[in-house]
C-alpha atoms as a PDB file:
ATOM      1  CA  MET A   1      41.866 -26.594 -23.269  1.00  0.00           C
ATOM      2  CA  THR A   2      40.945 -30.138 -24.526  1.00  0.00           C
ATOM      3  CA  ASP A   3      38.103 -30.923 -26.688  1.00  0.00           C
ATOM      4  CA  HIS A   4      36.709 -32.976 -23.751  1.00  0.00           C
ATOM      5  CA  SER A   5      36.794 -29.942 -21.441  1.00  0.00           C
ATOM      6  CA  VAL A   6      35.126 -27.704 -24.034  1.00  0.00           C
ATOM      7  CA  GLN A   7      32.332 -30.194 -24.689  1.00  0.00           C
ATOM      8  CA  HIS A   8      31.827 -30.462 -20.915  1.00  0.00           C
ATOM      9  CA  VAL A   9      31.391 -26.763 -20.493  1.00  0.00           C
ATOM     10  CA  GLU A  10      29.082 -26.497 -23.487  1.00  0.00           C
ATOM     11  CA  ASP A  11      26.938 -29.451 -21.979  1.00  0.00           C
ATOM     12  CA  ARG A  12      26.837 -27.782 -18.714  1.00  0.00           C
ATOM     13  CA  HIS A  13      25.625 -24.301 -20.228  1.00  0.00           C
ATOM     14  CA  ALA A  14      23.115 -26.270 -22.294  1.00  0.00           C
ATOM     15  CA  GLY A  15      21.815 -27.979 -19.227  1.00  0.00           C
ATOM     16  CA  LYS A  16      21.373 -24.714 -17.417  1.00  0.00           C
ATOM     17  CA  ALA A  17      19.563 -23.276 -20.317  1.00  0.00           C
ATOM     18  CA  ALA A  18      17.311 -26.216 -20.537  1.00  0.00           C
ATOM     19  CA  THR A  19      16.610 -26.044 -16.772  1.00  0.00           C
ATOM     20  CA  THR A  20      15.923 -22.263 -17.118  1.00  0.00           C
ATOM     21  CA  GLN A  21      13.431 -22.921 -19.794  1.00  0.00           C
ATOM     22  CA  ARG A  22      11.769 -25.633 -17.927  1.00  0.00           C
ATOM     23  CA  VAL A  23      11.465 -23.342 -14.781  1.00  0.00           C
ATOM     24  CA  GLN A  24      10.013 -20.535 -17.123  1.00  0.00           C
ATOM     25  CA  ARG A  25       7.571 -23.066 -18.494  1.00  0.00           C
ATOM     26  CA  LYS A  26       6.778 -24.268 -15.049  1.00  0.00           C
ATOM     27  CA  MET A  27       6.242 -20.591 -13.693  1.00  0.00           C
ATOM     28  CA  ALA A  28       4.052 -19.656 -16.643  1.00  0.00           C
ATOM     29  CA  PRO A  29       0.436 -18.916 -15.378  1.00  0.00           C
ATOM     30  CA  ILE A  30      -2.431 -20.987 -16.501  1.00  0.00           C
ATOM     31  CA  VAL A  31      -4.689 -18.029 -16.805  1.00  0.00           C
ATOM     32  CA  PRO A  32      -3.142 -15.186 -18.803  1.00  0.00           C
ATOM     33  CA  ALA A  33      -2.272 -12.334 -16.516  1.00  0.00           C
ATOM     34  CA  GLN A  34      -3.314  -9.478 -18.835  1.00  0.00           C
ATOM     35  CA  ASN A  35      -6.342  -9.772 -20.891  1.00  0.00           C
ATOM     36  CA  ILE A  36      -9.552  -7.661 -21.558  1.00  0.00           C
ATOM     37  CA  ALA A  37     -11.627  -9.867 -19.111  1.00  0.00           C
ATOM     38  CA  GLY A  38      -8.881  -9.495 -16.389  1.00  0.00           C
ATOM     39  CA  ARG A  39      -8.769  -5.764 -16.659  1.00  0.00           C
ATOM     40  CA  ALA A  40     -12.476  -5.480 -16.680  1.00  0.00           C
ATOM     41  CA  LEU A  41     -12.585  -7.662 -13.491  1.00  0.00           C
ATOM     42  CA  VAL A  42     -10.117  -5.436 -11.774  1.00  0.00           C
ATOM     43  CA  LEU A  43     -12.119  -2.298 -12.714  1.00  0.00           C
ATOM     44  CA  VAL A  44     -15.444  -3.873 -11.394  1.00  0.00           C
ATOM     45  CA  ILE A  45     -13.826  -4.778  -8.085  1.00  0.00           C
ATOM     46  CA  ALA A  46     -12.199  -1.263  -7.823  1.00  0.00           C
ATOM     47  CA  ILE A  47     -15.581   0.283  -8.350  1.00  0.00           C
ATOM     48  CA  MET A  48     -17.330  -1.942  -5.920  1.00  0.00           C
ATOM     49  CA  THR A  49     -14.594  -1.403  -3.354  1.00  0.00           C
ATOM     50  CA  PHE A  50     -14.862   2.294  -3.813  1.00  0.00           C
ATOM     51  CA  LEU A  51     -18.614   2.406  -3.282  1.00  0.00           C
ATOM     52  CA  SER A  52     -18.365   0.063  -0.310  1.00  0.00           C
ATOM     53  CA  CYS A  53     -15.802   2.235   1.264  1.00  0.00           C
ATOM     54  CA  LEU A  54     -17.937   5.351   0.609  1.00  0.00           C
ATOM     55  CA  THR A  55     -20.994   3.626   2.166  1.00  0.00           C
ATOM     56  CA  PHE A  56     -19.115   2.548   5.084  1.00  0.00           C
ATOM     57  CA  GLY A  57     -17.775   6.002   5.633  1.00  0.00           C
ATOM     58  CA  ALA A  58     -21.106   7.639   5.135  1.00  0.00           C
ATOM     59  CA  VAL A  59     -22.707   5.137   7.769  1.00  0.00           C
ATOM     60  CA  THR A  60     -19.832   5.889  10.257  1.00  0.00           C
ATOM     61  CA  LEU A  61     -20.323   9.594   9.838  1.00  0.00           C
ATOM     62  CA  VAL A  62     -24.077   9.439  10.295  1.00  0.00           C
ATOM     63  CA  ARG A  63     -23.767   7.260  13.425  1.00  0.00           C
ATOM     64  CA  ASP A  64     -21.064   9.470  14.981  1.00  0.00           C
ATOM     65  CA  THR A  65     -22.927  12.750  14.152  1.00  0.00           C
ATOM     66  CA  ALA A  66     -26.155  11.474  15.542  1.00  0.00           C
ATOM     67  CA  SER A  67     -24.344  10.425  18.700  1.00  0.00           C
ATOM     68  CA  VAL A  68     -22.931  13.912  19.108  1.00  0.00           C
ATOM     69  CA  TRP A  69     -26.159  15.512  18.593  1.00  0.00           C
ATOM     70  CA  GLU A  70     -27.952  13.256  20.969  1.00  0.00           C
ATOM     71  CA  ASN A  71     -25.370  14.078  23.760  1.00  0.00           C
ATOM     72  CA  GLN A  72     -25.663  17.726  23.088  1.00  0.00           C
ATOM     73  CA  ILE A  73     -29.521  17.662  23.111  1.00  0.00           C
ATOM     74  CA  SER A  74     -29.718  15.357  26.218  1.00  0.00           C
ATOM     75  CA  ARG A  75     -27.560  17.707  28.141  1.00  0.00           C
ATOM     76  CA  GLU A  76     -30.153  20.559  28.049  1.00  0.00           C
ATOM     77  CA  ALA A  77     -33.784  21.188  28.610  1.00  0.00           C
ATOM     78  CA  THR A  78     -35.744  24.336  27.735  1.00  0.00           C
ATOM     79  CA  ILE A  79     -38.401  26.278  29.789  1.00  0.00           C
ATOM     80  CA  GLN A  80     -40.622  28.482  27.506  1.00  0.00           C
ATOM     81  CA  ILE A  81     -42.693  31.243  28.940  1.00  0.00           C
ATOM     82  CA  LYS A  82     -45.513  32.798  26.798  1.00  0.00           C
ATOM     83  CA  PRO A  83     -46.481  36.365  27.392  1.00  0.00           C
ATOM     84  CA  VAL A  84     -49.955  36.821  28.701  1.00  0.00           C
ATOM     85  CA  ASP A  85     -51.851  39.812  30.066  1.00  0.00           C
ATOM     86  CA  GLY A  86     -50.737  40.869  33.470  1.00  0.00           C
ATOM     87  CA  LEU A  87     -47.657  38.650  33.434  1.00  0.00           C
ATOM     88  CA  ASP A  88     -44.375  40.279  34.685  1.00  0.00           C
ATOM     89  CA  MET A  89     -42.130  38.418  32.261  1.00  0.00           C
ATOM     90  CA  GLU A  90     -38.819  39.146  34.096  1.00  0.00           C
ATOM     91  CA  ALA A  91     -40.193  38.129  37.419  1.00  0.00           C
ATOM     92  CA  ALA A  92     -41.749  34.894  35.870  1.00  0.00           C
ATOM     93  CA  LEU A  93     -38.276  34.083  34.320  1.00  0.00           C
ATOM     94  CA  ALA A  94     -36.590  34.564  37.675  1.00  0.00           C
ATOM     95  CA  GLN A  95     -39.167  32.378  39.468  1.00  0.00           C
ATOM     96  CA  ALA A  96     -38.994  29.606  36.841  1.00  0.00           C
ATOM     97  CA  SER A  97     -35.176  29.673  36.867  1.00  0.00           C
ATOM     98  CA  GLN A  98     -35.178  29.442  40.677  1.00  0.00           C
ATOM     99  CA  ILE A  99     -37.598  26.530  40.725  1.00  0.00           C
ATOM    100  CA  ALA A 100     -35.665  24.581  38.149  1.00  0.00           C
ATOM    101  CA  GLY A 101     -32.264  25.259  39.806  1.00  0.00           C
ATOM    102  CA  GLU A 102     -33.492  23.664  43.095  1.00  0.00           C
ATOM    103  CA  PHE A 103     -34.013  20.223  41.535  1.00  0.00           C
ATOM    104  CA  PRO A 104     -31.147  17.639  41.984  1.00  0.00           C
ATOM    105  CA  GLY A 105     -29.408  16.941  38.650  1.00  0.00           C
ATOM    106  CA  VAL A 106     -29.726  20.562  37.412  1.00  0.00           C
ATOM    107  CA  LYS A 107     -26.329  22.146  36.800  1.00  0.00           C
ATOM    108  CA  SER A 108     -27.549  25.639  35.883  1.00  0.00           C
ATOM    109  CA  ALA A 109     -30.704  27.470  34.720  1.00  0.00           C
ATOM    110  CA  ARG A 110     -29.688  30.417  32.328  1.00  0.00           C
ATOM    111  CA  ILE A 111     -32.211  32.905  31.120  1.00  0.00           C
ATOM    112  CA  VAL A 112     -31.916  33.911  27.517  1.00  0.00           C
ATOM    113  CA  ASP A 113     -31.866  37.708  27.583  1.00  0.00           C
ATOM    114  CA  ARG A 114     -33.631  40.204  25.237  1.00  0.00           C
ATOM    115  CA  ASP A 115     -30.608  40.603  22.897  1.00  0.00           C
ATOM    116  CA  ALA A 116     -30.099  36.886  22.550  1.00  0.00           C
ATOM    117  CA  THR A 117     -33.816  36.272  21.938  1.00  0.00           C
ATOM    118  CA  ALA A 118     -33.748  39.130  19.169  1.00  0.00           C
ATOM    119  CA  ARG A 119     -30.778  37.482  17.496  1.00  0.00           C
ATOM    120  CA  LEU A 120     -32.552  34.116  17.408  1.00  0.00           C
ATOM    121  CA  LEU A 121     -35.502  35.915  15.515  1.00  0.00           C
ATOM    122  CA  GLU A 122     -33.297  37.884  13.084  1.00  0.00           C
ATOM    123  CA  PRO A 123     -33.440  35.274  10.335  1.00  0.00           C
ATOM    124  CA  TRP A 124     -37.261  35.578  10.205  1.00  0.00           C
ATOM    125  CA  LEU A 125     -38.047  39.038  11.489  1.00  0.00           C
ATOM    126  CA  GLY A 126     -34.964  40.999  10.669  1.00  0.00           C
ATOM    127  CA  SER A 127     -32.616  43.077  12.933  1.00  0.00           C
ATOM    128  CA  GLY A 128     -33.575  45.908  15.180  1.00  0.00           C
ATOM    129  CA  LEU A 129     -36.421  43.980  16.617  1.00  0.00           C
ATOM    130  CA  ASN A 130     -38.139  45.399  19.837  1.00  0.00           C
ATOM    131  CA  ILE A 131     -39.071  42.283  21.890  1.00  0.00           C
ATOM    132  CA  ASP A 132     -41.589  44.263  23.919  1.00  0.00           C
ATOM    133  CA  GLU A 133     -43.665  45.133  20.878  1.00  0.00           C
ATOM    134  CA  LEU A 134     -44.289  41.449  19.916  1.00  0.00           C
ATOM    135  CA  PRO A 135     -45.749  38.461  22.008  1.00  0.00           C
ATOM    136  CA  VAL A 136     -42.417  36.622  21.908  1.00  0.00           C
ATOM    137  CA  PRO A 137     -41.978  33.746  24.275  1.00  0.00           C
ATOM    138  CA  ARG A 138     -38.842  33.887  26.513  1.00  0.00           C
ATOM    139  CA  LEU A 139     -36.578  30.934  27.163  1.00  0.00           C
ATOM    140  CA  ILE A 140     -34.617  29.379  30.027  1.00  0.00           C
ATOM    141  CA  ILE A 141     -31.869  26.941  29.164  1.00  0.00           C
ATOM    142  CA  VAL A 142     -31.567  24.324  31.785  1.00  0.00           C
ATOM    143  CA  THR A 143     -28.336  22.433  31.888  1.00  0.00           C
ATOM    144  CA  ILE A 144     -28.584  19.028  33.343  1.00  0.00           C
ATOM    145  CA  ASP A 145     -26.352  16.268  34.661  1.00  0.00           C
ATOM    146  CA  GLU A 146     -26.371  13.371  32.147  1.00  0.00           C
ATOM    147  CA  ASN A 147     -25.381  10.926  34.799  1.00  0.00           C
ATOM    148  CA  ASN A 148     -28.018  12.012  37.202  1.00  0.00           C
ATOM    149  CA  PRO A 149     -30.793  13.615  35.296  1.00  0.00           C
ATOM    150  CA  PRO A 150     -33.600  15.486  37.108  1.00  0.00           C
ATOM    151  CA  ASP A 151     -37.131  14.351  37.469  1.00  0.00           C
ATOM    152  CA  PHE A 152     -38.755  16.307  34.616  1.00  0.00           C
ATOM    153  CA  ALA A 153     -42.316  15.274  35.555  1.00  0.00           C
ATOM    154  CA  ALA A 154     -41.818  16.628  39.095  1.00  0.00           C
ATOM    155  CA  MET A 155     -40.193  19.842  37.688  1.00  0.00           C
ATOM    156  CA  ARG A 156     -43.097  20.308  35.329  1.00  0.00           C
ATOM    157  CA  ALA A 157     -45.509  19.785  38.168  1.00  0.00           C
ATOM    158  CA  ALA A 158     -43.743  22.328  40.260  1.00  0.00           C
ATOM    159  CA  ILE A 159     -43.502  25.121  37.513  1.00  0.00           C
ATOM    160  CA  THR A 160     -47.111  24.790  35.902  1.00  0.00           C
ATOM    161  CA  PRO A 161     -49.168  25.669  38.888  1.00  0.00           C
ATOM    162  CA  LYS A 162     -47.216  28.816  39.684  1.00  0.00           C
ATOM    163  CA  LEU A 163     -46.741  29.756  35.937  1.00  0.00           C
ATOM    164  CA  PRO A 164     -49.561  28.410  33.741  1.00  0.00           C
ATOM    165  CA  SER A 165     -48.011  29.976  30.679  1.00  0.00           C
ATOM    166  CA  ALA A 166     -44.682  28.148  31.179  1.00  0.00           C
ATOM    167  CA  ALA A 167     -43.784  24.917  29.375  1.00  0.00           C
ATOM    168  CA  LEU A 168     -40.954  22.523  29.979  1.00  0.00           C
ATOM    169  CA  ASP A 169     -39.362  20.691  27.043  1.00  0.00           C
ATOM    170  CA  ASP A 170     -36.865  18.072  27.846  1.00  0.00           C
ATOM    171  CA  HIS A 171     -36.233  17.391  23.998  1.00  0.00           C
ATOM    172  CA  ARG A 172     -37.032  13.657  24.542  1.00  0.00           C
ATOM    173  CA  THR A 173     -39.282  13.660  21.484  1.00  0.00           C
ATOM    174  CA  TRP A 174     -36.570  15.184  19.279  1.00  0.00           C
ATOM    175  CA  VAL A 175     -33.969  12.732  20.786  1.00  0.00           C
ATOM    176  CA  ASP A 176     -36.134   9.779  20.040  1.00  0.00           C
ATOM    177  CA  ARG A 177     -36.682  10.937  16.453  1.00  0.00           C
ATOM    178  CA  LEU A 178     -32.971  11.539  15.898  1.00  0.00           C
ATOM    179  CA  VAL A 179     -32.064   8.138  17.350  1.00  0.00           C
ATOM    180  CA  ALA A 180     -34.746   6.485  15.211  1.00  0.00           C
ATOM    181  CA  MET A 181     -33.599   8.219  12.063  1.00  0.00           C
ATOM    182  CA  ALA A 182     -29.877   7.486  12.739  1.00  0.00           C
ATOM    183  CA  ARG A 183     -30.637   3.778  13.304  1.00  0.00           C
ATOM    184  CA  THR A 184     -32.630   3.568  10.227  1.00  0.00           C
ATOM    185  CA  THR A 185     -29.895   5.231   8.174  1.00  0.00           C
ATOM    186  CA  VAL A 186     -27.360   3.041   9.562  1.00  0.00           C
ATOM    187  CA  THR A 187     -29.309  -0.202   8.883  1.00  0.00           C
ATOM    188  CA  ILE A 188     -29.957   0.821   5.380  1.00  0.00           C
ATOM    189  CA  GLY A 189     -26.283   1.664   4.845  1.00  0.00           C
ATOM    190  CA  ILE A 190     -25.184  -1.765   6.340  1.00  0.00           C
ATOM    191  CA  ALA A 191     -27.717  -3.586   4.063  1.00  0.00           C
ATOM    192  CA  VAL A 192     -26.267  -1.634   0.997  1.00  0.00           C
ATOM    193  CA  LEU A 193     -22.821  -2.597   2.062  1.00  0.00           C
ATOM    194  CA  ALA A 194     -23.732  -6.252   2.404  1.00  0.00           C
ATOM    195  CA  LEU A 195     -25.291  -6.174  -1.070  1.00  0.00           C
ATOM    196  CA  MET A 196     -22.160  -4.640  -2.611  1.00  0.00           C
ATOM    197  CA  LEU A 197     -19.905  -7.085  -0.856  1.00  0.00           C
ATOM    198  CA  SER A 198     -22.161 -10.021  -2.083  1.00  0.00           C
ATOM    199  CA  ALA A 199     -22.172  -8.589  -5.635  1.00  0.00           C
ATOM    200  CA  THR A 200     -18.322  -8.382  -5.543  1.00  0.00           C
ATOM    201  CA  VAL A 201     -17.901 -12.033  -4.253  1.00  0.00           C
ATOM    202  CA  LEU A 202     -20.392 -13.262  -6.909  1.00  0.00           C
ATOM    203  CA  THR A 203     -18.585 -11.424  -9.553  1.00  0.00           C
ATOM    204  CA  VAL A 204     -15.287 -12.993  -8.556  1.00  0.00           C
ATOM    205  CA  VAL A 205     -16.982 -16.522  -8.453  1.00  0.00           C
ATOM    206  CA  PHE A 206     -18.522 -16.195 -11.873  1.00  0.00           C
ATOM    207  CA  ALA A 207     -15.346 -14.772 -13.339  1.00  0.00           C
ATOM    208  CA  THR A 208     -13.421 -17.740 -11.881  1.00  0.00           C
ATOM    209  CA  ARG A 209     -15.911 -20.219 -13.307  1.00  0.00           C
ATOM    210  CA  GLY A 210     -15.794 -18.406 -16.657  1.00  0.00           C
ATOM    211  CA  ALA A 211     -11.965 -18.492 -16.702  1.00  0.00           C
ATOM    212  CA  MET A 212     -12.110 -22.279 -15.903  1.00  0.00           C
ATOM    213  CA  ALA A 213     -14.610 -22.976 -18.674  1.00  0.00           C
ATOM    214  CA  GLY A 214     -12.543 -20.782 -21.194  1.00  0.00           C
ATOM    215  CA  ASN A 215      -9.319 -22.663 -20.291  1.00  0.00           C
ATOM    216  CA  GLY A 216     -10.906 -26.028 -20.199  1.00  0.00           C
ATOM    217  CA  HIS A 217      -8.600 -27.481 -22.900  1.00  0.00           C
ATOM    218  CA  ILE A 218      -5.615 -26.362 -20.866  1.00  0.00           C
ATOM    219  CA  ILE A 219      -7.031 -27.986 -17.861  1.00  0.00           C
ATOM    220  CA  GLU A 220      -7.607 -31.180 -19.713  1.00  0.00           C
ATOM    221  CA  VAL A 221      -3.965 -31.197 -20.869  1.00  0.00           C
ATOM    222  CA  LEU A 222      -2.693 -30.543 -17.499  1.00  0.00           C
ATOM    223  CA  HIS A 223      -4.692 -33.380 -16.143  1.00  0.00           C
ATOM    224  CA  PHE A 224      -3.470 -35.602 -19.029  1.00  0.00           C
ATOM    225  CA  VAL A 225       0.178 -34.903 -18.103  1.00  0.00           C
ATOM    226  CA  GLY A 226      -0.440 -35.609 -14.417  1.00  0.00           C
ATOM    227  CA  ALA A 227      -1.300 -32.317 -12.841  1.00  0.00           C
ATOM    228  CA  GLU A 228      -3.306 -32.570  -9.639  1.00  0.00           C
ATOM    229  CA  ALA A 229      -6.502 -30.961  -9.134  1.00  0.00           C
ATOM    230  CA  ARG A 230      -5.038 -29.050  -6.073  1.00  0.00           C
ATOM    231  CA  PHE A 231      -2.303 -27.496  -8.203  1.00  0.00           C
ATOM    232  CA  ILE A 232      -4.829 -26.188 -10.859  1.00  0.00           C
ATOM    233  CA  ALA A 233      -7.035 -24.945  -8.107  1.00  0.00           C
ATOM    234  CA  ARG A 234      -4.234 -23.181  -6.396  1.00  0.00           C
ATOM    235  CA  GLU A 235      -3.252 -21.426  -9.711  1.00  0.00           C
ATOM    236  CA  PHE A 236      -6.697 -20.195 -10.359  1.00  0.00           C
ATOM    237  CA  ARG A 237      -6.993 -19.087  -6.664  1.00  0.00           C
ATOM    238  CA  HIS A 238      -3.712 -17.175  -6.797  1.00  0.00           C
ATOM    239  CA  HIS A 239      -4.692 -15.490 -10.101  1.00  0.00           C
ATOM    240  CA  PHE A 240      -7.985 -14.195  -8.850  1.00  0.00           C
ATOM    241  CA  LEU A 241      -6.654 -13.336  -5.412  1.00  0.00           C
ATOM    242  CA  VAL A 242      -4.071 -11.053  -7.095  1.00  0.00           C
ATOM    243  CA  THR A 243      -6.653  -9.609  -9.327  1.00  0.00           C
ATOM    244  CA  GLY A 244      -9.022  -8.907  -6.534  1.00  0.00           C
ATOM    245  CA  MET A 245      -6.201  -7.340  -4.405  1.00  0.00           C
ATOM    246  CA  LYS A 246      -5.308  -4.996  -7.346  1.00  0.00           C
ATOM    247  CA  GLY A 247      -8.923  -3.856  -7.685  1.00  0.00           C
ATOM    248  CA  ALA A 248      -9.394  -3.477  -3.911  1.00  0.00           C
ATOM    249  CA  ALA A 249      -6.187  -1.460  -3.593  1.00  0.00           C
ATOM    250  CA  ALA A 250      -7.266   0.810  -6.322  1.00  0.00           C
ATOM    251  CA  GLY A 251     -10.836   1.292  -5.093  1.00  0.00           C
ATOM    252  CA  GLY A 252      -9.628   1.784  -1.446  1.00  0.00           C
ATOM    253  CA  ALA A 253      -7.008   4.310  -2.472  1.00  0.00           C
ATOM    254  CA  ALA A 254      -9.572   6.270  -4.463  1.00  0.00           C
ATOM    255  CA  ALA A 255     -12.019   6.293  -1.555  1.00  0.00           C
ATOM    256  CA  VAL A 256      -9.228   7.397   0.808  1.00  0.00           C
ATOM    257  CA  PHE A 257      -8.431  10.272  -1.690  1.00  0.00           C
ATOM    258  CA  VAL A 258     -12.057  11.317  -1.551  1.00  0.00           C
ATOM    259  CA  PHE A 259     -12.248  11.243   2.170  1.00  0.00           C
ATOM    260  CA  ILE A 260      -9.116  13.324   2.457  1.00  0.00           C
ATOM    261  CA  VAL A 261     -10.360  15.865  -0.092  1.00  0.00           C
ATOM    262  CA  PHE A 262     -13.778  16.355   1.608  1.00  0.00           C
ATOM    263  CA  SER A 263     -12.749  15.969   5.107  1.00  0.00           C
END
């Protein structure tokens, strides 16, 4: 091989090496990828994401549970008959059950028998309770049609004159309290979630400004050699986007793990 050919090959390899070095210099990030501030920012974003996911999960759980409870409560009403002197309890239960069952929108009226009543009182009065020895009210569970509920006012007006010791409870008060509590909890949870997201965004914004201020001399040099502001902004945006994605992925994974463990 001639000296000219050898020189040509060497020049070509040298050109490739120089090009590679230029590409490497070109691809080098403006903001150092790994430093204490960067790792701290990833940790902060991970923690905020984790807490945000937990808050969102708790709000969703409360809303769904309250909806289930509301549906269960709204499907039933209760007739309570208190024992009084001269009252035939079994006859009164049968009469109240018959009156309630005649109303449109009532699917069934089930009398809670003695054994079931005793089981309801076991946590407070113990087992082996004789219902006849105590003035224990008896219950009738009225199952209603949710799409076509009965007229509870008319039902109450029909039962009370014939059975003065009977009381109809449509659970409307409890449903209203449950709905109000659930809405309050959901509203507070959404507000907390919004505050967490706002704090995360502000953290990233201040971190970006701090990084730009800390690398001001590098930015000045880049401007001096002809770098456009769009290029510099794109580099900073890419750096903090990657940082935020790392923190969000870590926090989200931790939240998913917690949900799986406690589900």
